[in-house]
Amino acid sequence: MRYVALMSGGIDSPAAAYVMLKKGAELYLLNMDNRPWGEEDESGKVDEIARRLHELFPGKVRLFRAPHGLSLSSFRENCNVKYTCILCKKAMLHLADIMCGRWGAEGIIMGDSLGQVASQTLPNLAAVSAGIKHHIIRPLIGLDKEDIQKIAEDAGTFRISIRKTTGCTATPGHPITHARSDLLEAEAMKGHLEEKVEEVSNGIVEVSLR
């Protein structure tokens, strides 16, 4: 089983990756470089997390980085700012969908936990998932924070994930929590989502875990 796992420096996505690795999956970790809306300190956390997972599951983990800041800049310039986070997630899913085809992966792994943050309400999850061709697997979907933290501690990624970093400066103060698919699609068109995702896909580079 080979999957593309969307990977940030937070607690949830490494925990989701760990759960799937324990089930025997081979993972292509896909991390977003948000610059100029983020800093290199976040990428450094992801590199450490990926190396930890690589140590636990040798030969099962590879790390790739995408210039996702190109998409974020287009969304901030052309779209209703309240949609930035959900457009960001939609773009990441579309990118993972493309890379599943290129890399021969069966599906996409995400660290979503229902209702935990604004982009993870049920309407928003449905809206961002529309149009994705490959299976989306959310192994943490019904877990609470304490459950997920325990998984992260077992994986040895928790202390890396909680280290403070600059974070994403594109995040709006009041993100939309109940997006309609038709309105989201209209914002995606305004932000040239498909064109930007294709551009980002051609800029992906592999990060050495040695």
N, C-alpha and C. Protein backbone atom coordinates (compact mmCIF):
# COMPACT_ATOMS: atom_id res chain seq x y z
N MET A 1 0.85 -1.20 0.00
CA MET A 1 0.00 0.00 0.00
C MET A 1 0.88 1.24 0.00
N ARG A 2 0.71 2.07 -0.99
CA ARG A 2 1.45 3.33 -1.05
C ARG A 2 0.45 4.48 -1.03
N TYR A 3 0.73 5.48 -0.17
CA TYR A 3 -0.15 6.63 -0.05
C TYR A 3 0.67 7.92 -0.04
N VAL A 4 0.00 9.01 -0.45
CA VAL A 4 0.55 10.35 -0.27
C VAL A 4 -0.04 10.89 1.02
N ALA A 5 0.82 11.25 1.98
CA ALA A 5 0.38 11.75 3.27
C ALA A 5 0.70 13.24 3.37
N LEU A 6 -0.33 14.07 3.47
CA LEU A 6 -0.10 15.50 3.66
C LEU A 6 0.50 15.71 5.04
N MET A 7 1.64 16.40 5.10
CA MET A 7 2.44 16.45 6.32
C MET A 7 2.79 17.88 6.71
N SER A 8 2.38 18.26 7.91
CA SER A 8 2.79 19.55 8.48
C SER A 8 3.65 19.28 9.70
N GLY A 9 4.04 20.35 10.39
CA GLY A 9 4.82 20.20 11.60
C GLY A 9 3.95 20.12 12.85
N GLY A 10 2.64 20.04 12.68
CA GLY A 10 1.72 19.95 13.81
C GLY A 10 1.67 18.56 14.41
N ILE A 11 0.73 18.36 15.31
CA ILE A 11 0.61 17.08 16.01
C ILE A 11 -0.13 16.05 15.17
N ASP A 12 -1.19 16.47 14.47
CA ASP A 12 -2.14 15.53 13.88
C ASP A 12 -1.60 14.76 12.68
N SER A 13 -1.03 15.45 11.70
CA SER A 13 -0.64 14.74 10.48
C SER A 13 0.48 13.72 10.73
N PRO A 14 1.49 14.00 11.59
CA PRO A 14 2.44 12.94 11.90
C PRO A 14 1.80 11.75 12.60
N ALA A 15 0.81 12.02 13.47
CA ALA A 15 0.11 10.92 14.15
C ALA A 15 -0.65 10.06 13.15
N ALA A 16 -1.31 10.71 12.18
CA ALA A 16 -2.03 9.97 11.16
C ALA A 16 -1.07 9.11 10.32
N ALA A 17 0.08 9.69 9.99
CA ALA A 17 1.09 8.94 9.23
C ALA A 17 1.57 7.73 10.02
N TYR A 18 1.80 7.92 11.31
CA TYR A 18 2.28 6.83 12.18
C TYR A 18 1.26 5.68 12.22
N VAL A 19 -0.02 6.03 12.34
CA VAL A 19 -1.07 5.00 12.37
C VAL A 19 -1.03 4.17 11.09
N MET A 20 -0.87 4.83 9.95
CA MET A 20 -0.87 4.10 8.67
C MET A 20 0.42 3.31 8.47
N LEU A 21 1.54 3.85 8.92
CA LEU A 21 2.80 3.11 8.83
C LEU A 21 2.74 1.83 9.65
N LYS A 22 2.10 1.90 10.81
CA LYS A 22 1.95 0.71 11.64
C LYS A 22 1.10 -0.37 10.94
N LYS A 23 0.27 0.05 10.02
CA LYS A 23 -0.56 -0.89 9.27
C LYS A 23 0.15 -1.42 8.03
N GLY A 24 1.44 -1.01 7.86
CA GLY A 24 2.22 -1.53 6.75
C GLY A 24 2.27 -0.66 5.51
N ALA A 25 1.74 0.56 5.61
CA ALA A 25 1.72 1.44 4.44
C ALA A 25 3.12 1.98 4.13
N GLU A 26 3.31 2.31 2.86
CA GLU A 26 4.49 3.06 2.41
C GLU A 26 4.01 4.48 2.14
N LEU A 27 4.68 5.48 2.72
CA LEU A 27 4.19 6.84 2.63
C LEU A 27 5.15 7.78 1.92
N TYR A 28 4.59 8.56 1.02
CA TYR A 28 5.26 9.71 0.44
C TYR A 28 4.72 10.93 1.20
N LEU A 29 5.51 11.44 2.13
CA LEU A 29 5.09 12.61 2.91
C LEU A 29 5.21 13.85 2.04
N LEU A 30 4.12 14.60 1.92
CA LEU A 30 4.09 15.80 1.08
C LEU A 30 3.90 17.03 1.96
N ASN A 31 4.95 17.81 2.09
CA ASN A 31 4.95 18.99 2.96
C ASN A 31 4.86 20.27 2.13
N MET A 32 4.15 21.26 2.66
CA MET A 32 3.96 22.52 1.96
C MET A 32 4.94 23.59 2.46
N ASP A 33 5.71 24.13 1.55
CA ASP A 33 6.56 25.29 1.85
C ASP A 33 5.71 26.52 1.60
N ASN A 34 5.30 27.19 2.68
CA ASN A 34 4.36 28.30 2.58
C ASN A 34 5.01 29.65 2.31
N ARG A 35 6.31 29.70 2.21
CA ARG A 35 6.95 31.00 1.99
C ARG A 35 6.37 31.70 0.76
N PRO A 36 6.08 33.02 0.80
CA PRO A 36 6.45 33.99 1.83
C PRO A 36 5.48 34.10 3.01
N TRP A 37 4.55 33.15 3.14
CA TRP A 37 3.56 33.19 4.21
C TRP A 37 3.96 32.31 5.39
N GLY A 38 5.15 31.76 5.36
CA GLY A 38 5.68 30.95 6.44
C GLY A 38 7.19 31.05 6.45
N GLU A 39 7.82 30.46 7.45
CA GLU A 39 9.27 30.54 7.59
C GLU A 39 9.88 29.14 7.55
N GLU A 40 11.21 29.10 7.42
CA GLU A 40 11.92 27.83 7.31
C GLU A 40 11.88 27.02 8.61
N ASP A 41 11.57 27.67 9.74
CA ASP A 41 11.55 26.92 11.01
C ASP A 41 10.49 25.82 10.99
N GLU A 42 9.40 26.03 10.28
CA GLU A 42 8.38 24.99 10.17
C GLU A 42 8.88 23.82 9.33
N SER A 43 9.58 24.13 8.25
CA SER A 43 10.14 23.05 7.41
C SER A 43 11.14 22.22 8.21
N GLY A 44 11.91 22.87 9.08
CA GLY A 44 12.87 22.15 9.91
C GLY A 44 12.19 21.15 10.83
N LYS A 45 11.03 21.53 11.39
CA LYS A 45 10.26 20.60 12.23
C LYS A 45 9.81 19.39 11.43
N VAL A 46 9.30 19.64 10.23
CA VAL A 46 8.82 18.55 9.39
C VAL A 46 9.96 17.60 9.04
N ASP A 47 11.13 18.15 8.75
CA ASP A 47 12.29 17.30 8.44
C ASP A 47 12.60 16.38 9.63
N GLU A 48 12.58 16.92 10.86
CA GLU A 48 12.85 16.11 12.05
C GLU A 48 11.80 15.02 12.24
N ILE A 49 10.54 15.39 12.04
CA ILE A 49 9.45 14.41 12.18
C ILE A 49 9.61 13.30 11.16
N ALA A 50 9.90 13.67 9.91
CA ALA A 50 10.05 12.67 8.86
C ALA A 50 11.22 11.73 9.16
N ARG A 51 12.31 12.28 9.68
CA ARG A 51 13.46 11.43 10.02
C ARG A 51 13.10 10.47 11.15
N ARG A 52 12.31 10.94 12.10
CA ARG A 52 11.87 10.06 13.18
C ARG A 52 11.03 8.90 12.63
N LEU A 53 10.10 9.20 11.75
CA LEU A 53 9.27 8.15 11.16
C LEU A 53 10.12 7.22 10.30
N HIS A 54 11.11 7.78 9.63
CA HIS A 54 12.02 6.97 8.80
C HIS A 54 12.83 6.01 9.69
N GLU A 55 13.23 6.47 10.87
CA GLU A 55 13.96 5.61 11.80
C GLU A 55 13.08 4.45 12.27
N LEU A 56 11.81 4.74 12.54
CA LEU A 56 10.89 3.71 13.03
C LEU A 56 10.49 2.73 11.93
N PHE A 57 10.40 3.24 10.69
CA PHE A 57 9.92 2.42 9.57
C PHE A 57 10.88 2.58 8.39
N PRO A 58 12.08 2.01 8.48
CA PRO A 58 13.08 2.17 7.41
C PRO A 58 12.55 1.69 6.07
N GLY A 59 12.82 2.49 5.04
CA GLY A 59 12.42 2.14 3.69
C GLY A 59 10.96 2.38 3.37
N LYS A 60 10.19 2.89 4.37
CA LYS A 60 8.76 3.10 4.17
C LYS A 60 8.37 4.57 4.03
N VAL A 61 9.35 5.48 4.21
CA VAL A 61 9.03 6.91 4.26
C VAL A 61 9.94 7.70 3.33
N ARG A 62 9.34 8.55 2.51
CA ARG A 62 10.08 9.54 1.73
C ARG A 62 9.41 10.89 1.94
N LEU A 63 10.20 11.96 1.90
CA LEU A 63 9.69 13.31 2.16
C LEU A 63 9.86 14.18 0.92
N PHE A 64 8.78 14.87 0.56
CA PHE A 64 8.79 15.80 -0.58
C PHE A 64 8.26 17.16 -0.12
N ARG A 65 8.77 18.22 -0.75
CA ARG A 65 8.34 19.59 -0.37
C ARG A 65 7.84 20.34 -1.60
N ALA A 66 6.71 21.00 -1.44
CA ALA A 66 6.06 21.71 -2.54
C ALA A 66 6.02 23.21 -2.27
N PRO A 67 6.25 24.05 -3.31
CA PRO A 67 6.23 25.51 -3.14
C PRO A 67 4.80 26.06 -3.08
N HIS A 68 4.10 25.69 -2.00
CA HIS A 68 2.68 26.00 -1.83
C HIS A 68 2.41 27.49 -1.66
N GLY A 69 3.42 28.26 -1.32
CA GLY A 69 3.26 29.70 -1.19
C GLY A 69 2.74 30.35 -2.46
N LEU A 70 3.02 29.75 -3.61
CA LEU A 70 2.50 30.26 -4.88
C LEU A 70 0.98 30.27 -4.87
N SER A 71 0.38 29.20 -4.38
CA SER A 71 -1.08 29.13 -4.30
C SER A 71 -1.63 30.10 -3.26
N LEU A 72 -1.01 30.13 -2.10
CA LEU A 72 -1.48 31.03 -1.04
C LEU A 72 -1.47 32.49 -1.49
N SER A 73 -0.43 32.89 -2.19
CA SER A 73 -0.33 34.27 -2.66
C SER A 73 -1.46 34.60 -3.63
N SER A 74 -1.80 33.65 -4.49
CA SER A 74 -2.90 33.87 -5.43
C SER A 74 -4.24 33.97 -4.70
N PHE A 75 -4.43 33.15 -3.67
CA PHE A 75 -5.68 33.20 -2.91
C PHE A 75 -5.80 34.52 -2.17
N ARG A 76 -4.73 34.96 -1.55
CA ARG A 76 -4.77 36.21 -0.79
C ARG A 76 -4.97 37.42 -1.70
N GLU A 77 -4.48 37.33 -2.89
CA GLU A 77 -4.58 38.46 -3.83
C GLU A 77 -5.95 38.53 -4.50
N ASN A 78 -6.58 37.38 -4.75
CA ASN A 78 -7.75 37.35 -5.62
C ASN A 78 -9.06 36.91 -4.96
N CYS A 79 -9.00 36.38 -3.75
CA CYS A 79 -10.18 35.74 -3.16
C CYS A 79 -10.64 36.44 -1.88
N ASN A 80 -11.87 36.13 -1.47
CA ASN A 80 -12.38 36.54 -0.18
C ASN A 80 -11.48 35.93 0.90
N VAL A 81 -10.90 36.77 1.74
CA VAL A 81 -9.90 36.31 2.70
C VAL A 81 -10.44 35.25 3.65
N LYS A 82 -11.75 35.25 3.91
CA LYS A 82 -12.34 34.26 4.82
C LYS A 82 -12.19 32.84 4.29
N TYR A 83 -11.97 32.70 2.98
CA TYR A 83 -11.85 31.38 2.37
C TYR A 83 -10.41 30.89 2.29
N THR A 84 -9.45 31.66 2.80
CA THR A 84 -8.04 31.30 2.61
C THR A 84 -7.71 29.91 3.12
N CYS A 85 -8.12 29.58 4.35
CA CYS A 85 -7.76 28.27 4.92
C CYS A 85 -8.38 27.11 4.17
N ILE A 86 -9.64 27.26 3.78
CA ILE A 86 -10.30 26.17 3.10
C ILE A 86 -9.81 26.05 1.66
N LEU A 87 -9.46 27.17 1.04
CA LEU A 87 -8.83 27.11 -0.29
C LEU A 87 -7.45 26.46 -0.20
N CYS A 88 -6.73 26.76 0.87
CA CYS A 88 -5.43 26.15 1.11
C CYS A 88 -5.57 24.63 1.18
N LYS A 89 -6.54 24.15 1.95
CA LYS A 89 -6.73 22.71 2.09
C LYS A 89 -7.19 22.09 0.78
N LYS A 90 -8.06 22.77 0.06
CA LYS A 90 -8.52 22.26 -1.23
C LYS A 90 -7.35 22.14 -2.20
N ALA A 91 -6.47 23.14 -2.21
CA ALA A 91 -5.30 23.11 -3.08
C ALA A 91 -4.36 21.97 -2.71
N MET A 92 -4.16 21.75 -1.40
CA MET A 92 -3.29 20.67 -0.96
C MET A 92 -3.85 19.31 -1.39
N LEU A 93 -5.17 19.15 -1.27
CA LEU A 93 -5.78 17.89 -1.69
C LEU A 93 -5.66 17.67 -3.19
N HIS A 94 -5.88 18.73 -3.96
CA HIS A 94 -5.74 18.61 -5.41
C HIS A 94 -4.29 18.28 -5.78
N LEU A 95 -3.35 18.87 -5.08
CA LEU A 95 -1.94 18.57 -5.33
C LEU A 95 -1.64 17.11 -5.00
N ALA A 96 -2.11 16.64 -3.85
CA ALA A 96 -1.90 15.24 -3.47
C ALA A 96 -2.55 14.31 -4.47
N ASP A 97 -3.71 14.69 -5.00
CA ASP A 97 -4.42 13.90 -5.99
C ASP A 97 -3.56 13.74 -7.26
N ILE A 98 -2.98 14.84 -7.70
CA ILE A 98 -2.09 14.80 -8.87
C ILE A 98 -0.89 13.89 -8.61
N MET A 99 -0.31 14.03 -7.42
CA MET A 99 0.91 13.28 -7.13
C MET A 99 0.61 11.79 -6.92
N CYS A 100 -0.59 11.45 -6.47
CA CYS A 100 -0.97 10.04 -6.41
C CYS A 100 -0.86 9.41 -7.80
N GLY A 101 -1.33 10.12 -8.81
CA GLY A 101 -1.24 9.62 -10.17
C GLY A 101 0.19 9.49 -10.64
N ARG A 102 1.01 10.47 -10.34
CA ARG A 102 2.41 10.46 -10.81
C ARG A 102 3.24 9.42 -10.07
N TRP A 103 2.95 9.22 -8.80
CA TRP A 103 3.77 8.33 -7.97
C TRP A 103 3.17 6.93 -7.82
N GLY A 104 2.03 6.68 -8.40
CA GLY A 104 1.42 5.37 -8.28
C GLY A 104 0.89 5.07 -6.89
N ALA A 105 0.37 6.09 -6.22
CA ALA A 105 -0.18 5.90 -4.87
C ALA A 105 -1.68 5.62 -4.93
N GLU A 106 -2.18 4.91 -3.92
CA GLU A 106 -3.58 4.48 -3.91
C GLU A 106 -4.52 5.51 -3.32
N GLY A 107 -4.01 6.41 -2.47
CA GLY A 107 -4.89 7.37 -1.83
C GLY A 107 -4.11 8.41 -1.05
N ILE A 108 -4.86 9.25 -0.34
CA ILE A 108 -4.32 10.41 0.37
C ILE A 108 -4.61 10.26 1.86
N ILE A 109 -3.58 10.47 2.68
CA ILE A 109 -3.72 10.42 4.14
C ILE A 109 -3.75 11.85 4.68
N MET A 110 -4.73 12.14 5.54
CA MET A 110 -4.83 13.45 6.17
C MET A 110 -4.99 13.29 7.67
N GLY A 111 -4.60 14.32 8.42
CA GLY A 111 -4.67 14.28 9.87
C GLY A 111 -5.90 14.94 10.45
N ASP A 112 -6.97 15.07 9.66
CA ASP A 112 -8.18 15.74 10.13
C ASP A 112 -8.81 15.02 11.32
N SER A 113 -9.27 15.82 12.27
CA SER A 113 -10.08 15.35 13.39
C SER A 113 -11.32 16.21 13.42
N LEU A 114 -12.48 15.63 13.31
CA LEU A 114 -13.72 16.36 13.04
C LEU A 114 -13.97 17.47 14.05
N GLY A 115 -14.10 18.69 13.54
CA GLY A 115 -14.47 19.84 14.34
C GLY A 115 -13.36 20.46 15.15
N GLN A 116 -12.11 19.96 15.01
CA GLN A 116 -11.06 20.46 15.88
C GLN A 116 -10.63 21.89 15.54
N VAL A 117 -10.59 22.23 14.24
CA VAL A 117 -10.31 23.60 13.82
C VAL A 117 -11.31 23.99 12.75
N ALA A 118 -11.27 25.26 12.33
CA ALA A 118 -12.29 25.80 11.44
C ALA A 118 -12.41 25.04 10.13
N SER A 119 -11.28 24.59 9.58
CA SER A 119 -11.33 23.92 8.28
C SER A 119 -11.80 22.48 8.38
N GLN A 120 -12.03 21.98 9.61
CA GLN A 120 -12.37 20.58 9.80
C GLN A 120 -13.81 20.35 10.26
N THR A 121 -14.69 21.34 10.01
CA THR A 121 -16.12 21.09 10.20
C THR A 121 -16.60 20.16 9.09
N LEU A 122 -17.70 19.47 9.32
CA LEU A 122 -18.19 18.52 8.33
C LEU A 122 -18.49 19.19 6.98
N PRO A 123 -19.15 20.37 6.95
CA PRO A 123 -19.38 21.02 5.65
C PRO A 123 -18.08 21.37 4.94
N ASN A 124 -17.09 21.82 5.67
CA ASN A 124 -15.82 22.18 5.04
C ASN A 124 -15.08 20.96 4.52
N LEU A 125 -15.10 19.86 5.28
CA LEU A 125 -14.45 18.64 4.81
C LEU A 125 -15.10 18.14 3.53
N ALA A 126 -16.42 18.23 3.48
CA ALA A 126 -17.12 17.80 2.26
C ALA A 126 -16.79 18.71 1.09
N ALA A 127 -16.73 20.01 1.34
CA ALA A 127 -16.47 20.97 0.26
C ALA A 127 -15.07 20.80 -0.32
N VAL A 128 -14.06 20.61 0.53
CA VAL A 128 -12.68 20.50 0.02
C VAL A 128 -12.45 19.16 -0.65
N SER A 129 -13.24 18.14 -0.30
CA SER A 129 -13.04 16.81 -0.86
C SER A 129 -13.70 16.63 -2.23
N ALA A 130 -14.56 17.56 -2.60
CA ALA A 130 -15.28 17.44 -3.87
C ALA A 130 -14.30 17.43 -5.04
N GLY A 131 -14.49 16.47 -5.94
CA GLY A 131 -13.68 16.43 -7.15
C GLY A 131 -12.37 15.67 -7.03
N ILE A 132 -12.04 15.18 -5.83
CA ILE A 132 -10.79 14.43 -5.64
C ILE A 132 -11.00 12.99 -6.13
N LYS A 133 -10.10 12.53 -6.99
CA LYS A 133 -10.28 11.22 -7.64
C LYS A 133 -9.83 10.06 -6.75
N HIS A 134 -8.78 10.26 -5.97
CA HIS A 134 -8.25 9.17 -5.15
C HIS A 134 -8.92 9.15 -3.77
N HIS A 135 -8.87 7.99 -3.13
CA HIS A 135 -9.47 7.84 -1.80
C HIS A 135 -8.77 8.78 -0.81
N ILE A 136 -9.56 9.38 0.07
CA ILE A 136 -9.03 10.21 1.16
C ILE A 136 -9.23 9.43 2.45
N ILE A 137 -8.14 9.17 3.16
CA ILE A 137 -8.20 8.41 4.42
C ILE A 137 -7.86 9.35 5.56
N ARG A 138 -8.76 9.40 6.55
CA ARG A 138 -8.58 10.27 7.72
C ARG A 138 -8.59 9.39 8.97
N PRO A 139 -7.46 8.78 9.33
CA PRO A 139 -7.45 7.80 10.43
C PRO A 139 -7.74 8.38 11.81
N LEU A 140 -7.68 9.71 11.95
CA LEU A 140 -7.91 10.32 13.27
C LEU A 140 -9.29 10.96 13.38
N ILE A 141 -10.15 10.78 12.40
CA ILE A 141 -11.35 11.60 12.26
C ILE A 141 -12.22 11.65 13.51
N GLY A 142 -12.35 10.54 14.24
CA GLY A 142 -13.24 10.52 15.40
C GLY A 142 -12.55 10.65 16.74
N LEU A 143 -11.24 10.94 16.73
CA LEU A 143 -10.48 11.01 17.97
C LEU A 143 -10.46 12.42 18.55
N ASP A 144 -10.30 12.52 19.87
CA ASP A 144 -10.16 13.84 20.48
C ASP A 144 -8.68 14.17 20.66
N LYS A 145 -8.39 15.35 21.16
CA LYS A 145 -7.00 15.83 21.27
C LYS A 145 -6.14 14.91 22.12
N GLU A 146 -6.71 14.40 23.22
CA GLU A 146 -5.94 13.55 24.12
C GLU A 146 -5.55 12.24 23.43
N ASP A 147 -6.47 11.68 22.66
CA ASP A 147 -6.19 10.44 21.93
C ASP A 147 -5.05 10.66 20.93
N ILE A 148 -5.14 11.76 20.21
CA ILE A 148 -4.14 12.05 19.17
C ILE A 148 -2.79 12.34 19.80
N GLN A 149 -2.80 13.07 20.91
CA GLN A 149 -1.54 13.36 21.60
C GLN A 149 -0.86 12.07 22.04
N LYS A 150 -1.64 11.10 22.50
CA LYS A 150 -1.06 9.82 22.93
C LYS A 150 -0.39 9.11 21.75
N ILE A 151 -1.02 9.12 20.61
CA ILE A 151 -0.43 8.51 19.41
C ILE A 151 0.88 9.22 19.06
N ALA A 152 0.87 10.55 19.10
CA ALA A 152 2.07 11.32 18.78
C ALA A 152 3.20 11.05 19.77
N GLU A 153 2.85 10.87 21.05
CA GLU A 153 3.86 10.53 22.05
C GLU A 153 4.44 9.14 21.79
N ASP A 154 3.59 8.20 21.41
CA ASP A 154 4.07 6.85 21.09
C ASP A 154 5.01 6.88 19.88
N ALA A 155 4.71 7.76 18.93
CA ALA A 155 5.53 7.88 17.73
C ALA A 155 6.83 8.62 17.98
N GLY A 156 6.90 9.37 19.08
CA GLY A 156 8.09 10.18 19.35
C GLY A 156 8.12 11.48 18.57
N THR A 157 6.95 11.91 18.06
CA THR A 157 6.88 13.16 17.29
C THR A 157 6.28 14.32 18.08
N PHE A 158 5.68 14.03 19.22
CA PHE A 158 4.92 15.05 19.94
C PHE A 158 5.79 16.23 20.36
N ARG A 159 6.96 15.96 20.94
CA ARG A 159 7.80 17.04 21.44
C ARG A 159 8.37 17.89 20.31
N ILE A 160 8.53 17.30 19.15
CA ILE A 160 8.95 18.08 17.98
C ILE A 160 7.80 18.98 17.53
N SER A 161 6.60 18.42 17.47
CA SER A 161 5.44 19.14 16.95
C SER A 161 5.05 20.35 17.80
N ILE A 162 5.23 20.26 19.12
CA ILE A 162 4.78 21.36 19.99
C ILE A 162 5.80 22.49 20.07
N ARG A 163 6.93 22.34 19.43
CA ARG A 163 7.93 23.41 19.42
C ARG A 163 7.36 24.61 18.67
N LYS A 164 7.46 25.80 19.25
CA LYS A 164 6.88 27.00 18.67
C LYS A 164 7.62 27.41 17.40
N THR A 165 6.84 27.75 16.37
CA THR A 165 7.40 28.28 15.13
C THR A 165 6.58 29.50 14.71
N THR A 166 6.99 30.13 13.64
CA THR A 166 6.34 31.35 13.18
C THR A 166 4.90 31.12 12.79
N GLY A 167 4.62 30.00 12.15
CA GLY A 167 3.26 29.70 11.70
C GLY A 167 2.94 30.36 10.38
N CYS A 168 1.73 30.13 9.90
CA CYS A 168 1.29 30.66 8.61
C CYS A 168 0.66 32.03 8.79
N THR A 169 1.20 33.02 8.11
CA THR A 169 0.70 34.39 8.24
C THR A 169 -0.44 34.68 7.27
N ALA A 170 -0.81 33.70 6.43
CA ALA A 170 -1.93 33.90 5.50
C ALA A 170 -3.27 33.62 6.17
N THR A 171 -3.25 33.02 7.37
CA THR A 171 -4.48 32.63 8.05
C THR A 171 -5.32 33.85 8.41
N PRO A 172 -6.59 33.90 8.02
CA PRO A 172 -7.45 35.05 8.35
C PRO A 172 -7.91 35.01 9.79
N GLY A 173 -8.35 36.16 10.29
CA GLY A 173 -8.83 36.23 11.66
C GLY A 173 -10.13 35.48 11.87
N HIS A 174 -10.98 35.45 10.83
CA HIS A 174 -12.29 34.80 10.96
C HIS A 174 -12.54 33.92 9.74
N PRO A 175 -11.95 32.73 9.72
CA PRO A 175 -12.14 31.83 8.57
C PRO A 175 -13.57 31.29 8.50
N ILE A 176 -14.01 31.01 7.29
CA ILE A 176 -15.35 30.46 7.11
C ILE A 176 -15.39 29.03 7.64
N THR A 177 -16.48 28.67 8.31
CA THR A 177 -16.58 27.35 8.95
C THR A 177 -17.63 26.44 8.30
N HIS A 178 -18.52 27.00 7.49
CA HIS A 178 -19.56 26.20 6.85
C HIS A 178 -19.64 26.58 5.37
N ALA A 179 -18.63 26.16 4.62
CA ALA A 179 -18.54 26.53 3.21
C ALA A 179 -19.49 25.72 2.36
N ARG A 180 -20.12 26.38 1.40
CA ARG A 180 -20.89 25.69 0.37
C ARG A 180 -19.97 25.36 -0.80
N SER A 181 -20.14 24.19 -1.36
CA SER A 181 -19.25 23.75 -2.43
C SER A 181 -19.29 24.68 -3.63
N ASP A 182 -20.49 25.20 -3.98
CA ASP A 182 -20.58 26.07 -5.15
C ASP A 182 -19.85 27.39 -4.92
N LEU A 183 -19.97 27.94 -3.72
CA LEU A 183 -19.28 29.19 -3.42
C LEU A 183 -17.77 28.98 -3.32
N LEU A 184 -17.37 27.84 -2.76
CA LEU A 184 -15.94 27.54 -2.70
C LEU A 184 -15.36 27.39 -4.10
N GLU A 185 -16.09 26.73 -4.99
CA GLU A 185 -15.61 26.57 -6.36
C GLU A 185 -15.46 27.93 -7.05
N ALA A 186 -16.38 28.84 -6.76
CA ALA A 186 -16.28 30.18 -7.34
C ALA A 186 -15.02 30.90 -6.84
N GLU A 187 -14.73 30.77 -5.55
CA GLU A 187 -13.51 31.37 -5.01
C GLU A 187 -12.25 30.70 -5.58
N ALA A 188 -12.33 29.39 -5.77
CA ALA A 188 -11.19 28.65 -6.35
C ALA A 188 -10.88 29.14 -7.76
N MET A 189 -11.93 29.41 -8.52
CA MET A 189 -11.72 29.94 -9.87
C MET A 189 -11.10 31.33 -9.84
N LYS A 190 -11.57 32.16 -8.92
CA LYS A 190 -11.00 33.50 -8.78
C LYS A 190 -9.52 33.44 -8.40
N GLY A 191 -9.16 32.42 -7.61
CA GLY A 191 -7.77 32.26 -7.16
C GLY A 191 -6.91 31.43 -8.09
N HIS A 192 -7.46 31.03 -9.24
CA HIS A 192 -6.72 30.24 -10.24
C HIS A 192 -6.14 28.96 -9.61
N LEU A 193 -6.98 28.29 -8.80
CA LEU A 193 -6.50 27.15 -8.02
C LEU A 193 -5.89 26.06 -8.90
N GLU A 194 -6.57 25.65 -9.93
CA GLU A 194 -6.07 24.53 -10.73
C GLU A 194 -4.75 24.87 -11.40
N GLU A 195 -4.64 26.08 -11.93
CA GLU A 195 -3.39 26.48 -12.58
C GLU A 195 -2.24 26.56 -11.59
N LYS A 196 -2.51 27.10 -10.41
CA LYS A 196 -1.46 27.22 -9.40
C LYS A 196 -1.02 25.86 -8.88
N VAL A 197 -1.97 24.96 -8.67
CA VAL A 197 -1.62 23.63 -8.19
C VAL A 197 -0.74 22.90 -9.21
N GLU A 198 -1.05 23.05 -10.48
CA GLU A 198 -0.22 22.43 -11.51
C GLU A 198 1.19 23.02 -11.48
N GLU A 199 1.28 24.33 -11.32
CA GLU A 199 2.60 24.98 -11.21
C GLU A 199 3.37 24.47 -9.99
N VAL A 200 2.68 24.37 -8.87
CA VAL A 200 3.30 23.87 -7.64
C VAL A 200 3.78 22.43 -7.83
N SER A 201 2.98 21.62 -8.50
CA SER A 201 3.34 20.20 -8.69
C SER A 201 4.64 20.05 -9.45
N ASN A 202 4.92 20.97 -10.33
CA ASN A 202 6.15 20.89 -11.12
C ASN A 202 7.38 21.40 -10.37
N GLY A 203 7.14 22.00 -9.18
CA GLY A 203 8.25 22.50 -8.37
C GLY A 203 8.58 21.65 -7.16
N ILE A 204 7.94 20.48 -7.03
CA ILE A 204 8.17 19.60 -5.88
C ILE A 204 9.58 19.01 -5.91
N VAL A 205 10.24 19.01 -4.74
CA VAL A 205 11.58 18.43 -4.62
C VAL A 205 11.58 17.41 -3.48
N GLU A 206 12.43 16.41 -3.59
CA GLU A 206 12.57 15.43 -2.52
C GLU A 206 13.60 15.91 -1.51
N VAL A 207 13.31 15.69 -0.22
CA VAL A 207 14.19 16.08 0.89
C VAL A 207 14.88 14.81 1.41
N SER A 208 16.19 14.83 1.50
CA SER A 208 16.93 13.67 1.99
C SER A 208 16.65 13.44 3.48
N LEU A 209 16.45 12.21 3.86
CA LEU A 209 16.22 11.85 5.27
C LEU A 209 17.46 11.23 5.90
N ARG A 210 18.58 11.28 5.24
CA ARG A 210 19.82 10.72 5.79
C ARG A 210 20.56 11.76 6.62
